N, C-alpha and C. Protein backbone atom coordinates (compact mmCIF):
# COMPACT_ATOMS: atom_id res chain seq x y z
N MET A 1 -13.60 78.40 112.70
CA MET A 1 -12.97 77.26 113.33
C MET A 1 -11.59 77.00 112.69
N LYS A 2 -11.54 77.07 111.35
CA LYS A 2 -10.28 76.82 110.65
C LYS A 2 -9.24 77.86 111.05
N ASN A 3 -9.66 79.12 111.18
CA ASN A 3 -8.72 80.17 111.58
C ASN A 3 -8.19 79.95 112.98
N ARG A 4 -9.04 79.46 113.86
CA ARG A 4 -8.59 79.18 115.23
C ARG A 4 -7.55 78.08 115.24
N ILE A 5 -7.76 77.07 114.40
CA ILE A 5 -6.79 75.98 114.32
C ILE A 5 -5.46 76.49 113.78
N LEU A 6 -5.53 77.33 112.73
CA LEU A 6 -4.31 77.91 112.17
C LEU A 6 -3.58 78.76 113.21
N PHE A 7 -4.35 79.56 113.95
CA PHE A 7 -3.75 80.41 114.97
C PHE A 7 -3.09 79.55 116.05
N ALA A 8 -3.79 78.51 116.49
CA ALA A 8 -3.22 77.63 117.52
C ALA A 8 -1.95 76.96 117.00
N GLY A 9 -1.96 76.56 115.74
CA GLY A 9 -0.77 75.96 115.15
C GLY A 9 0.39 76.92 115.10
N ALA A 10 0.11 78.17 114.73
CA ALA A 10 1.17 79.18 114.67
C ALA A 10 1.75 79.44 116.05
N VAL A 11 0.89 79.51 117.04
CA VAL A 11 1.36 79.73 118.41
C VAL A 11 2.19 78.54 118.89
N ALA A 12 1.71 77.33 118.59
CA ALA A 12 2.45 76.13 118.99
C ALA A 12 3.83 76.09 118.33
N CYS A 13 3.87 76.45 117.06
CA CYS A 13 5.16 76.49 116.36
C CYS A 13 6.08 77.53 116.98
N ALA A 14 5.51 78.68 117.30
CA ALA A 14 6.32 79.74 117.91
C ALA A 14 6.92 79.29 119.22
N LEU A 15 6.12 78.59 120.02
CA LEU A 15 6.61 78.12 121.30
C LEU A 15 7.63 76.99 121.14
N ALA A 16 7.36 76.09 120.20
CA ALA A 16 8.23 74.93 120.03
C ALA A 16 9.52 75.27 119.29
N LEU A 17 9.44 76.17 118.33
CA LEU A 17 10.58 76.41 117.45
C LEU A 17 11.25 77.75 117.66
N GLY A 18 10.65 78.61 118.43
CA GLY A 18 11.19 79.96 118.59
C GLY A 18 12.66 79.94 118.97
N GLY A 19 13.48 80.47 118.09
CA GLY A 19 14.90 80.52 118.35
C GLY A 19 15.68 79.28 117.95
N CYS A 20 15.02 78.17 117.63
CA CYS A 20 15.71 76.93 117.30
C CYS A 20 16.11 76.83 115.84
N LEU A 21 15.45 77.57 114.98
CA LEU A 21 15.70 77.47 113.55
C LEU A 21 16.63 78.57 113.06
N THR A 22 17.69 78.79 113.80
CA THR A 22 18.58 79.90 113.46
C THR A 22 19.27 79.71 112.12
N SER A 23 19.33 78.48 111.61
CA SER A 23 19.99 78.24 110.33
C SER A 23 19.25 78.89 109.17
N ILE A 24 17.97 79.17 109.33
CA ILE A 24 17.20 79.79 108.24
C ILE A 24 16.99 81.28 108.47
N ASP A 25 17.53 81.81 109.54
CA ASP A 25 17.32 83.22 109.86
C ASP A 25 17.83 84.15 108.75
N ALA A 26 18.95 83.82 108.13
CA ALA A 26 19.48 84.68 107.06
C ALA A 26 18.52 84.72 105.88
N GLU A 27 17.93 83.58 105.55
CA GLU A 27 16.97 83.53 104.44
C GLU A 27 15.70 84.31 104.80
N ILE A 28 15.25 84.18 106.05
CA ILE A 28 14.08 84.94 106.51
C ILE A 28 14.35 86.43 106.39
N ALA A 29 15.53 86.85 106.77
CA ALA A 29 15.88 88.27 106.69
C ALA A 29 15.84 88.76 105.24
N LYS A 30 16.35 87.95 104.30
CA LYS A 30 16.32 88.35 102.89
C LYS A 30 14.89 88.50 102.38
N ILE A 31 14.05 87.52 102.71
CA ILE A 31 12.66 87.57 102.25
C ILE A 31 11.93 88.74 102.89
N SER A 32 12.17 88.97 104.18
CA SER A 32 11.55 90.10 104.86
C SER A 32 11.94 91.42 104.22
N ASP A 33 13.20 91.53 103.83
CA ASP A 33 13.66 92.75 103.17
C ASP A 33 12.93 92.97 101.85
N ARG A 34 12.74 91.88 101.09
CA ARG A 34 12.02 92.01 99.82
C ARG A 34 10.57 92.42 100.05
N LEU A 35 9.94 91.84 101.05
CA LEU A 35 8.55 92.21 101.36
C LEU A 35 8.47 93.64 101.88
N ALA A 36 9.42 94.02 102.72
CA ALA A 36 9.41 95.37 103.28
C ALA A 36 9.56 96.42 102.18
N ALA A 37 10.24 96.06 101.10
CA ALA A 37 10.38 96.99 99.98
C ALA A 37 9.03 97.28 99.33
N ARG A 38 8.05 96.43 99.57
CA ARG A 38 6.71 96.63 98.99
C ARG A 38 5.73 97.19 100.01
N CYS A 39 6.23 97.67 101.13
CA CYS A 39 5.35 98.16 102.20
C CYS A 39 4.44 99.29 101.74
N VAL A 40 4.94 100.18 100.92
CA VAL A 40 4.12 101.30 100.46
C VAL A 40 2.89 100.78 99.71
N GLU A 41 3.10 99.78 98.86
CA GLU A 41 1.98 99.19 98.12
C GLU A 41 0.98 98.53 99.06
N LEU A 42 1.50 97.78 100.04
CA LEU A 42 0.62 97.10 100.99
C LEU A 42 -0.18 98.11 101.81
N GLN A 43 0.49 99.14 102.28
CA GLN A 43 -0.19 100.14 103.09
C GLN A 43 -1.22 100.91 102.26
N THR A 44 -0.95 101.13 100.99
CA THR A 44 -1.92 101.79 100.12
C THR A 44 -3.15 100.92 99.95
N ALA A 45 -2.95 99.61 99.79
CA ALA A 45 -4.08 98.69 99.66
C ALA A 45 -4.92 98.67 100.93
N VAL A 46 -4.27 98.65 102.08
CA VAL A 46 -5.02 98.67 103.35
C VAL A 46 -5.80 99.97 103.48
N THR A 47 -5.22 101.08 103.06
CA THR A 47 -5.92 102.37 103.12
C THR A 47 -7.14 102.36 102.21
N ALA A 48 -7.00 101.79 101.02
CA ALA A 48 -8.14 101.71 100.10
C ALA A 48 -9.27 100.89 100.69
N VAL A 49 -8.93 99.76 101.29
CA VAL A 49 -9.96 98.93 101.94
C VAL A 49 -10.60 99.70 103.07
N ASP A 50 -9.78 100.41 103.82
CA ASP A 50 -10.28 101.19 104.96
C ASP A 50 -11.28 102.25 104.49
N LEU A 51 -11.01 102.90 103.39
CA LEU A 51 -11.89 103.96 102.90
C LEU A 51 -13.19 103.42 102.31
N LEU A 52 -13.13 102.25 101.69
CA LEU A 52 -14.29 101.72 100.97
C LEU A 52 -15.12 100.73 101.78
N ALA A 53 -14.62 100.29 102.90
CA ALA A 53 -15.30 99.25 103.67
C ALA A 53 -16.42 99.81 104.53
N PRO A 54 -17.39 98.95 104.88
CA PRO A 54 -18.42 99.35 105.84
C PRO A 54 -17.79 99.68 107.19
N GLU A 55 -18.51 100.41 108.01
CA GLU A 55 -17.99 100.91 109.29
C GLU A 55 -17.43 99.78 110.17
N LYS A 56 -18.15 98.67 110.29
CA LYS A 56 -17.68 97.58 111.16
C LYS A 56 -16.38 96.98 110.65
N VAL A 57 -16.23 96.94 109.36
CA VAL A 57 -15.00 96.37 108.79
C VAL A 57 -13.84 97.35 108.96
N ARG A 58 -14.13 98.64 108.96
CA ARG A 58 -13.06 99.64 109.14
C ARG A 58 -12.33 99.47 110.46
N ALA A 59 -13.08 99.18 111.51
CA ALA A 59 -12.44 98.99 112.82
C ALA A 59 -11.47 97.81 112.77
N ALA A 60 -11.87 96.76 112.09
CA ALA A 60 -11.00 95.59 111.98
C ALA A 60 -9.80 95.87 111.09
N THR A 61 -9.99 96.68 110.06
CA THR A 61 -8.85 96.99 109.20
C THR A 61 -7.82 97.85 109.93
N ALA A 62 -8.25 98.52 110.98
CA ALA A 62 -7.28 99.27 111.79
C ALA A 62 -6.28 98.29 112.42
N ASP A 63 -6.77 97.12 112.85
CA ASP A 63 -5.86 96.09 113.37
C ASP A 63 -4.92 95.60 112.28
N ALA A 64 -5.47 95.39 111.09
CA ALA A 64 -4.63 94.94 109.97
C ALA A 64 -3.58 96.00 109.64
N ARG A 65 -3.98 97.25 109.67
CA ARG A 65 -3.02 98.33 109.42
C ARG A 65 -1.90 98.28 110.46
N GLY A 66 -2.25 98.03 111.71
CA GLY A 66 -1.24 97.92 112.76
C GLY A 66 -0.25 96.80 112.49
N VAL A 67 -0.76 95.67 112.00
CA VAL A 67 0.12 94.54 111.66
C VAL A 67 1.09 94.95 110.55
N PHE A 68 0.58 95.58 109.50
CA PHE A 68 1.45 96.02 108.40
C PHE A 68 2.44 97.07 108.88
N ASP A 69 1.98 98.00 109.70
CA ASP A 69 2.87 99.05 110.19
C ASP A 69 4.02 98.46 111.01
N ARG A 70 3.68 97.48 111.88
CA ARG A 70 4.73 96.84 112.68
C ARG A 70 5.72 96.10 111.78
N PHE A 71 5.18 95.37 110.78
CA PHE A 71 6.06 94.64 109.87
C PHE A 71 6.96 95.60 109.10
N CYS A 72 6.39 96.67 108.60
CA CYS A 72 7.16 97.62 107.79
C CYS A 72 8.20 98.36 108.63
N ALA A 73 7.87 98.64 109.88
CA ALA A 73 8.81 99.34 110.75
C ALA A 73 9.97 98.44 111.16
N LYS A 74 9.66 97.15 111.39
CA LYS A 74 10.70 96.21 111.84
C LYS A 74 10.38 94.83 111.28
N PRO A 75 10.80 94.57 110.04
CA PRO A 75 10.54 93.25 109.44
C PRO A 75 11.19 92.14 110.27
N PRO A 76 10.56 90.97 110.30
CA PRO A 76 11.14 89.86 111.08
C PRO A 76 12.51 89.46 110.54
N ARG A 77 13.44 89.22 111.43
CA ARG A 77 14.81 88.85 111.03
C ARG A 77 15.12 87.41 111.43
N THR A 78 14.34 86.84 112.34
CA THR A 78 14.60 85.48 112.82
C THR A 78 13.34 84.64 112.67
N SER A 79 13.51 83.33 112.83
CA SER A 79 12.35 82.43 112.74
C SER A 79 11.34 82.74 113.84
N ALA A 80 11.82 83.08 115.03
CA ALA A 80 10.90 83.39 116.12
C ALA A 80 10.08 84.65 115.81
N GLU A 81 10.74 85.68 115.29
CA GLU A 81 10.03 86.91 114.92
C GLU A 81 9.04 86.66 113.78
N LEU A 82 9.42 85.78 112.85
CA LEU A 82 8.53 85.45 111.74
C LEU A 82 7.27 84.76 112.24
N LEU A 83 7.42 83.83 113.16
CA LEU A 83 6.25 83.13 113.70
C LEU A 83 5.32 84.09 114.43
N ILE A 84 5.88 85.04 115.13
CA ILE A 84 5.05 86.05 115.81
C ILE A 84 4.32 86.89 114.77
N ALA A 85 5.01 87.28 113.70
CA ALA A 85 4.37 88.07 112.64
C ALA A 85 3.25 87.29 111.98
N ILE A 86 3.46 85.99 111.76
CA ILE A 86 2.40 85.15 111.17
C ILE A 86 1.19 85.10 112.09
N ALA A 87 1.43 84.94 113.38
CA ALA A 87 0.32 84.92 114.34
C ALA A 87 -0.44 86.25 114.32
N ASP A 88 0.28 87.36 114.20
CA ASP A 88 -0.36 88.68 114.11
C ASP A 88 -1.24 88.78 112.87
N VAL A 89 -0.74 88.29 111.75
CA VAL A 89 -1.51 88.33 110.50
C VAL A 89 -2.77 87.48 110.63
N ILE A 90 -2.65 86.31 111.23
CA ILE A 90 -3.82 85.44 111.40
C ILE A 90 -4.86 86.13 112.27
N ARG A 91 -4.42 86.75 113.37
CA ARG A 91 -5.37 87.45 114.25
C ARG A 91 -6.06 88.60 113.52
N ALA A 92 -5.30 89.36 112.73
CA ALA A 92 -5.88 90.48 111.99
C ALA A 92 -6.89 89.97 110.96
N LYS A 93 -6.55 88.88 110.28
CA LYS A 93 -7.47 88.31 109.29
C LYS A 93 -8.74 87.82 109.96
N GLN A 94 -8.61 87.20 111.12
CA GLN A 94 -9.79 86.75 111.85
C GLN A 94 -10.68 87.93 112.21
N ALA A 95 -10.09 89.03 112.63
CA ALA A 95 -10.88 90.21 113.00
C ALA A 95 -11.61 90.78 111.79
N VAL A 96 -10.93 90.85 110.66
CA VAL A 96 -11.57 91.37 109.44
C VAL A 96 -12.68 90.44 108.99
N ASP A 97 -12.43 89.13 109.01
CA ASP A 97 -13.47 88.16 108.62
C ASP A 97 -14.69 88.25 109.52
N ALA A 98 -14.46 88.37 110.82
CA ALA A 98 -15.58 88.48 111.76
C ALA A 98 -16.37 89.76 111.51
N ALA A 99 -15.67 90.84 111.23
CA ALA A 99 -16.35 92.11 110.95
C ALA A 99 -17.16 92.03 109.67
N LYS A 100 -16.63 91.35 108.67
CA LYS A 100 -17.37 91.18 107.41
C LYS A 100 -18.65 90.39 107.65
N ARG A 101 -18.55 89.32 108.43
CA ARG A 101 -19.75 88.52 108.73
C ARG A 101 -20.77 89.34 109.49
N ALA A 102 -20.31 90.16 110.41
CA ALA A 102 -21.23 90.97 111.22
C ALA A 102 -21.90 92.07 110.40
N SER A 103 -21.23 92.52 109.34
CA SER A 103 -21.79 93.63 108.57
C SER A 103 -22.75 93.16 107.47
N THR A 104 -22.84 91.87 107.26
CA THR A 104 -23.75 91.38 106.21
C THR A 104 -25.04 90.87 106.80
């Protein structure tokens, strides 16, 4: 339930603010660049989880890997892109959490 509320909030923010917060876009780009520099570490961690996780969780980690791959290929440069990336992360986390619950 909490994840659904967070997801709804992220979507609402994306719709309400998308493109309006251009004054912070330069700062978002700087932070994204710093995070993108750590993509190899993040992708290695996702691979480790993928190898060690139960089968049901592996399918969900494929979604998480897709989120990381998209971020690493094209880090968000604007507030609108950042909100979309946050929504993607929330969806991937929800999928992994649901898979964990199903596998126990």
